N, C-alpha and C. Protein backbone atom coordinates (compact mmCIF):
# COMPACT_ATOMS: atom_id res chain seq x y z
N MET A 1 0.57 -1.32 0.02
CA MET A 1 0.02 -0.10 0.06
C MET A 1 0.79 1.33 -0.10
N GLU A 2 2.17 1.29 0.57
CA GLU A 2 2.89 2.23 0.85
C GLU A 2 3.48 2.80 -0.64
N TYR A 3 3.56 1.82 -1.74
CA TYR A 3 3.81 2.06 -3.04
C TYR A 3 2.82 3.16 -3.81
N ILE A 4 1.48 2.86 -3.49
CA ILE A 4 0.31 3.46 -3.92
C ILE A 4 0.42 4.85 -3.29
N TYR A 5 0.56 4.85 -2.05
CA TYR A 5 0.59 6.10 -1.31
C TYR A 5 1.65 7.00 -1.85
N ALA A 6 2.77 6.56 -2.33
CA ALA A 6 4.13 7.04 -2.77
C ALA A 6 3.76 7.63 -4.13
N ALA A 7 3.16 7.02 -4.89
CA ALA A 7 2.86 7.34 -6.23
C ALA A 7 1.75 8.58 -6.21
N LEU A 8 0.80 8.37 -5.41
CA LEU A 8 -0.12 9.62 -5.15
C LEU A 8 0.59 10.65 -4.49
N LEU A 9 1.37 10.59 -3.66
CA LEU A 9 2.09 11.88 -3.12
C LEU A 9 2.93 12.38 -4.42
N LEU A 10 3.91 11.64 -5.15
CA LEU A 10 4.56 12.06 -6.01
C LEU A 10 3.61 13.00 -7.10
N HIS A 11 2.50 12.33 -7.53
CA HIS A 11 1.54 13.03 -8.56
C HIS A 11 1.08 14.37 -7.85
N LYS A 12 0.64 14.09 -6.70
CA LYS A 12 -0.02 15.35 -5.97
C LYS A 12 1.01 16.52 -6.11
N LEU A 13 2.30 16.18 -5.87
CA LEU A 13 3.29 17.35 -5.78
C LEU A 13 3.90 17.71 -7.18
N GLY A 14 3.44 17.03 -8.24
CA GLY A 14 3.76 17.35 -9.66
C GLY A 14 5.07 16.69 -10.06
N GLN A 15 5.53 15.75 -9.23
CA GLN A 15 6.51 15.16 -9.48
C GLN A 15 6.45 13.94 -10.64
N THR A 16 7.53 13.37 -11.11
CA THR A 16 7.42 12.14 -12.10
C THR A 16 7.25 10.95 -11.08
N VAL A 17 6.19 10.25 -11.48
CA VAL A 17 5.99 9.02 -10.86
C VAL A 17 6.89 7.96 -11.41
N ASP A 18 8.09 7.70 -11.08
CA ASP A 18 8.87 6.81 -11.56
C ASP A 18 9.66 5.79 -10.34
N GLU A 19 10.56 5.13 -10.79
CA GLU A 19 11.38 4.07 -9.54
C GLU A 19 12.17 4.91 -8.89
N ALA A 20 12.68 6.04 -9.51
CA ALA A 20 13.41 6.58 -8.35
C ALA A 20 12.79 7.45 -7.48
N GLY A 21 11.81 8.26 -7.68
CA GLY A 21 10.87 8.83 -6.96
C GLY A 21 10.26 7.97 -5.91
N LEU A 22 9.79 6.80 -6.43
CA LEU A 22 9.01 5.90 -5.23
C LEU A 22 10.15 5.59 -4.23
N LYS A 23 11.37 5.12 -4.47
CA LYS A 23 12.41 4.69 -3.81
C LYS A 23 12.67 5.76 -2.67
N LYS A 24 12.54 7.11 -3.29
CA LYS A 24 12.98 7.91 -2.34
C LYS A 24 12.09 8.40 -1.20
N VAL A 25 10.86 8.42 -1.73
CA VAL A 25 9.46 8.37 -0.68
C VAL A 25 9.37 7.26 0.40
N ILE A 26 9.63 6.09 -0.31
CA ILE A 26 9.37 4.71 0.55
C ILE A 26 10.54 4.68 1.59
N VAL A 27 11.93 4.93 1.03
CA VAL A 27 12.90 4.95 2.12
C VAL A 27 13.05 6.13 3.07
N ALA A 28 12.34 7.28 2.74
CA ALA A 28 12.36 8.57 3.46
C ALA A 28 11.11 8.17 4.65
N ALA A 29 10.37 7.25 4.48
CA ALA A 29 9.14 6.76 5.20
C ALA A 29 9.46 5.91 6.09
N GLY A 30 10.89 5.34 5.88
CA GLY A 30 11.33 4.32 6.97
C GLY A 30 11.01 2.99 6.35
N ALA A 31 10.48 2.55 5.08
CA ALA A 31 10.39 1.38 4.68
C ALA A 31 11.46 0.81 3.82
N SER A 32 11.44 -0.23 3.70
CA SER A 32 12.47 -0.96 2.78
C SER A 32 12.10 -1.06 1.45
N PHE A 33 12.76 -0.58 0.45
CA PHE A 33 12.30 -0.55 -0.91
C PHE A 33 12.45 -2.11 -1.71
N ASP A 34 11.09 -2.33 -2.41
CA ASP A 34 11.15 -3.69 -3.03
C ASP A 34 11.05 -3.22 -4.47
N GLU A 35 12.05 -3.35 -5.38
CA GLU A 35 12.23 -3.14 -6.80
C GLU A 35 10.94 -3.78 -7.60
N ALA A 36 10.57 -4.90 -7.29
CA ALA A 36 9.75 -5.55 -8.04
C ALA A 36 8.30 -5.06 -7.65
N LYS A 37 8.10 -4.69 -6.33
CA LYS A 37 6.81 -4.01 -6.27
C LYS A 37 6.54 -2.71 -6.95
N ALA A 38 7.85 -1.79 -7.03
CA ALA A 38 7.94 -0.63 -7.52
C ALA A 38 7.60 -1.04 -9.07
N LYS A 39 8.17 -1.94 -9.77
CA LYS A 39 8.25 -2.04 -11.24
C LYS A 39 6.57 -2.52 -11.66
N THR A 40 5.99 -3.38 -10.84
CA THR A 40 4.67 -3.72 -10.88
C THR A 40 3.85 -2.58 -10.78
N LEU A 41 3.88 -1.88 -9.82
CA LEU A 41 3.05 -0.54 -9.75
C LEU A 41 3.35 0.42 -11.19
N LEU A 42 4.34 0.61 -11.37
CA LEU A 42 4.67 1.53 -12.52
C LEU A 42 4.19 0.81 -13.78
N ALA A 43 4.30 -0.48 -14.01
CA ALA A 43 3.68 -1.02 -15.15
C ALA A 43 2.02 -1.02 -15.06
N SER A 44 1.35 -0.92 -13.98
CA SER A 44 -0.14 -0.83 -13.88
C SER A 44 -0.51 0.58 -14.04
N LEU A 45 0.43 1.35 -13.69
CA LEU A 45 0.24 2.88 -14.05
C LEU A 45 0.36 3.44 -15.29
N ALA A 46 1.03 2.60 -16.37
CA ALA A 46 1.36 2.94 -17.49
C ALA A 46 0.13 3.30 -18.50
N GLY A 47 -0.10 4.41 -19.15
CA GLY A 47 -1.06 4.84 -19.94
C GLY A 47 -2.15 5.53 -18.83
N VAL A 48 -2.08 5.27 -17.80
CA VAL A 48 -3.36 5.85 -16.78
C VAL A 48 -3.08 7.37 -16.53
N ASP A 49 -4.50 7.89 -16.54
CA ASP A 49 -4.66 9.26 -16.31
C ASP A 49 -5.04 9.32 -14.73
N ILE A 50 -4.11 9.58 -14.01
CA ILE A 50 -4.35 9.40 -12.42
C ILE A 50 -5.46 10.46 -11.84
N ASN A 51 -5.34 11.75 -12.71
CA ASN A 51 -6.26 12.58 -12.25
C ASN A 51 -7.77 12.22 -12.41
N LYS A 52 -7.72 11.28 -13.52
CA LYS A 52 -9.34 11.24 -14.23
C LYS A 52 -9.81 9.94 -13.08
N GLU A 53 -8.70 8.95 -12.65
CA GLU A 53 -9.05 8.09 -11.79
C GLU A 53 -9.45 8.47 -10.55
N LEU A 54 -8.73 9.48 -10.10
CA LEU A 54 -9.00 10.21 -8.72
C LEU A 54 -10.40 10.75 -8.69
N GLU A 55 -10.61 11.38 -9.94
CA GLU A 55 -12.05 12.13 -10.12
C GLU A 55 -13.04 11.09 -9.85
N ASN A 56 -12.79 9.84 -10.47
CA ASN A 56 -13.84 8.72 -10.72
C ASN A 56 -14.20 8.31 -9.36
N ALA A 57 -12.78 7.81 -8.60
CA ALA A 57 -13.20 7.43 -7.11
C ALA A 57 -13.69 8.34 -6.28
N SER A 58 -13.77 9.71 -6.39
CA SER A 58 -14.26 10.73 -5.84
C SER A 58 -15.85 10.58 -6.05
N VAL A 59 -16.03 10.47 -7.19
CA VAL A 59 -17.59 10.32 -7.75
C VAL A 59 -18.21 9.34 -7.05
N MET A 60 -17.43 8.01 -7.04
CA MET A 60 -18.00 6.95 -6.37
C MET A 60 -18.17 6.93 -4.97
N ALA A 61 -17.31 7.76 -4.25
CA ALA A 61 -17.16 7.99 -2.88
C ALA A 61 -18.63 8.60 -2.51
N VAL A 62 -18.75 9.87 -3.37
CA VAL A 62 -20.02 10.42 -3.06
C VAL A 62 -21.30 9.67 -3.41
N ALA A 63 -21.22 8.80 -4.40
CA ALA A 63 -22.41 8.05 -4.56
C ALA A 63 -22.75 7.10 -3.62
N SER A 64 -21.69 6.53 -3.09
CA SER A 64 -21.72 5.54 -2.04
C SER A 64 -22.31 6.12 -0.79
N SER A 65 -21.80 7.28 -0.42
CA SER A 65 -22.52 7.96 0.79
C SER A 65 -23.86 8.31 0.62
N ALA A 66 -24.37 8.72 -0.64
CA ALA A 66 -25.56 9.28 -0.83
C ALA A 66 -26.70 7.88 -0.80
N GLY A 67 -26.26 6.86 -1.28
CA GLY A 67 -26.78 5.73 -1.44
C GLY A 67 -27.83 5.53 -2.67
N ALA A 68 -28.25 4.61 -3.01
CA ALA A 68 -29.06 4.43 -4.16
C ALA A 68 -30.51 4.51 -3.93
N SER A 69 -31.30 5.27 -4.36
CA SER A 69 -32.84 5.37 -4.21
C SER A 69 -33.49 4.70 -5.14
N ALA A 70 -34.82 4.05 -4.65
CA ALA A 70 -35.31 3.24 -5.68
C ALA A 70 -36.29 4.09 -6.50
N SER A 71 -36.50 5.38 -6.44
CA SER A 71 -37.12 6.17 -7.22
C SER A 71 -36.16 6.99 -8.17
N ALA A 72 -34.72 6.85 -8.06
CA ALA A 72 -33.90 7.36 -8.82
C ALA A 72 -33.98 7.42 -10.31
N PRO A 73 -34.13 8.44 -11.21
CA PRO A 73 -34.22 8.20 -12.57
C PRO A 73 -33.27 7.49 -13.18
N ALA A 74 -33.56 6.72 -14.37
CA ALA A 74 -32.65 5.89 -15.01
C ALA A 74 -31.39 6.53 -15.24
N GLU A 75 -31.12 7.76 -15.56
CA GLU A 75 -29.98 8.41 -16.03
C GLU A 75 -28.88 8.42 -14.52
N GLU A 76 -29.53 8.77 -13.66
CA GLU A 76 -28.88 8.82 -12.36
C GLU A 76 -28.41 7.30 -12.19
N LYS A 77 -29.09 6.32 -12.46
CA LYS A 77 -28.64 4.70 -11.95
C LYS A 77 -27.51 4.50 -13.06
N LYS A 78 -27.61 4.95 -14.31
CA LYS A 78 -26.53 4.74 -15.29
C LYS A 78 -25.38 5.26 -14.80
N GLU A 79 -25.35 6.60 -14.28
CA GLU A 79 -24.06 7.30 -13.88
C GLU A 79 -23.53 6.54 -12.59
N GLU A 80 -24.34 6.05 -11.55
CA GLU A 80 -23.81 5.16 -10.53
C GLU A 80 -23.10 4.06 -10.96
N VAL A 81 -23.84 3.30 -11.97
CA VAL A 81 -23.25 1.99 -12.46
C VAL A 81 -21.66 2.37 -13.10
N LYS A 82 -21.64 3.50 -13.68
CA LYS A 82 -20.51 3.94 -14.26
C LYS A 82 -19.32 4.25 -13.19
N ALA A 83 -19.76 5.05 -12.14
CA ALA A 83 -19.09 5.23 -11.01
C ALA A 83 -18.28 4.17 -10.41
N GLU A 84 -19.33 3.19 -10.09
CA GLU A 84 -19.06 1.67 -9.35
C GLU A 84 -17.98 1.03 -10.38
N ALA A 85 -18.09 1.07 -11.49
CA ALA A 85 -17.24 0.42 -12.59
C ALA A 85 -15.78 1.15 -12.46
N ALA A 86 -16.04 2.36 -12.38
CA ALA A 86 -14.73 3.22 -12.25
C ALA A 86 -13.79 3.00 -11.04
N ALA A 87 -14.74 2.92 -10.13
CA ALA A 87 -13.98 2.61 -8.61
C ALA A 87 -13.46 0.96 -8.76
N GLU A 88 -14.20 0.11 -9.45
CA GLU A 88 -13.79 -1.30 -9.31
C GLU A 88 -12.51 -1.23 -10.26
N GLY A 89 -12.37 -0.29 -11.34
CA GLY A 89 -11.08 -0.46 -12.04
C GLY A 89 -10.16 0.35 -11.28
N LEU A 90 -10.24 1.27 -10.40
CA LEU A 90 -9.28 1.84 -9.72
C LEU A 90 -8.65 0.98 -8.48
N SER A 91 -9.70 0.20 -7.79
CA SER A 91 -9.47 -0.81 -6.71
C SER A 91 -8.53 -1.94 -7.48
N ALA A 92 -8.63 -2.41 -8.68
CA ALA A 92 -7.97 -3.48 -9.16
C ALA A 92 -6.57 -2.91 -9.73
N LEU A 93 -6.47 -1.49 -10.03
CA LEU A 93 -5.29 -0.96 -10.34
C LEU A 93 -4.27 -0.71 -9.05
N PHE A 94 -4.89 -0.35 -7.93
CA PHE A 94 -4.17 -0.24 -6.71
C PHE A 94 -4.15 -1.11 -5.81
N GLY A 95 -4.82 -2.26 -6.10
CA GLY A 95 -4.60 -3.48 -5.27
C GLY A 95 -5.52 -3.50 -4.08
């Protein structure tokens, strides 16, 4: 999990999410660095728009807290399904 947090921190700070950056953050936090875990995460993030994924995760969090209403219009239900799918994708990405 610390690798995901390190990647998110680097992204938030506008730094390149790469192996060297991950290693600096992980070691600075007092954990031991595992090159295989870093490479796996970086391979999973290849081509991923982190901003978009975070936005989708935020939408899902809001949708979950609001709950699904039985009287919700079909459009709202479609958007909720999309948000759930996005959150599942994000969950799979970040383990």
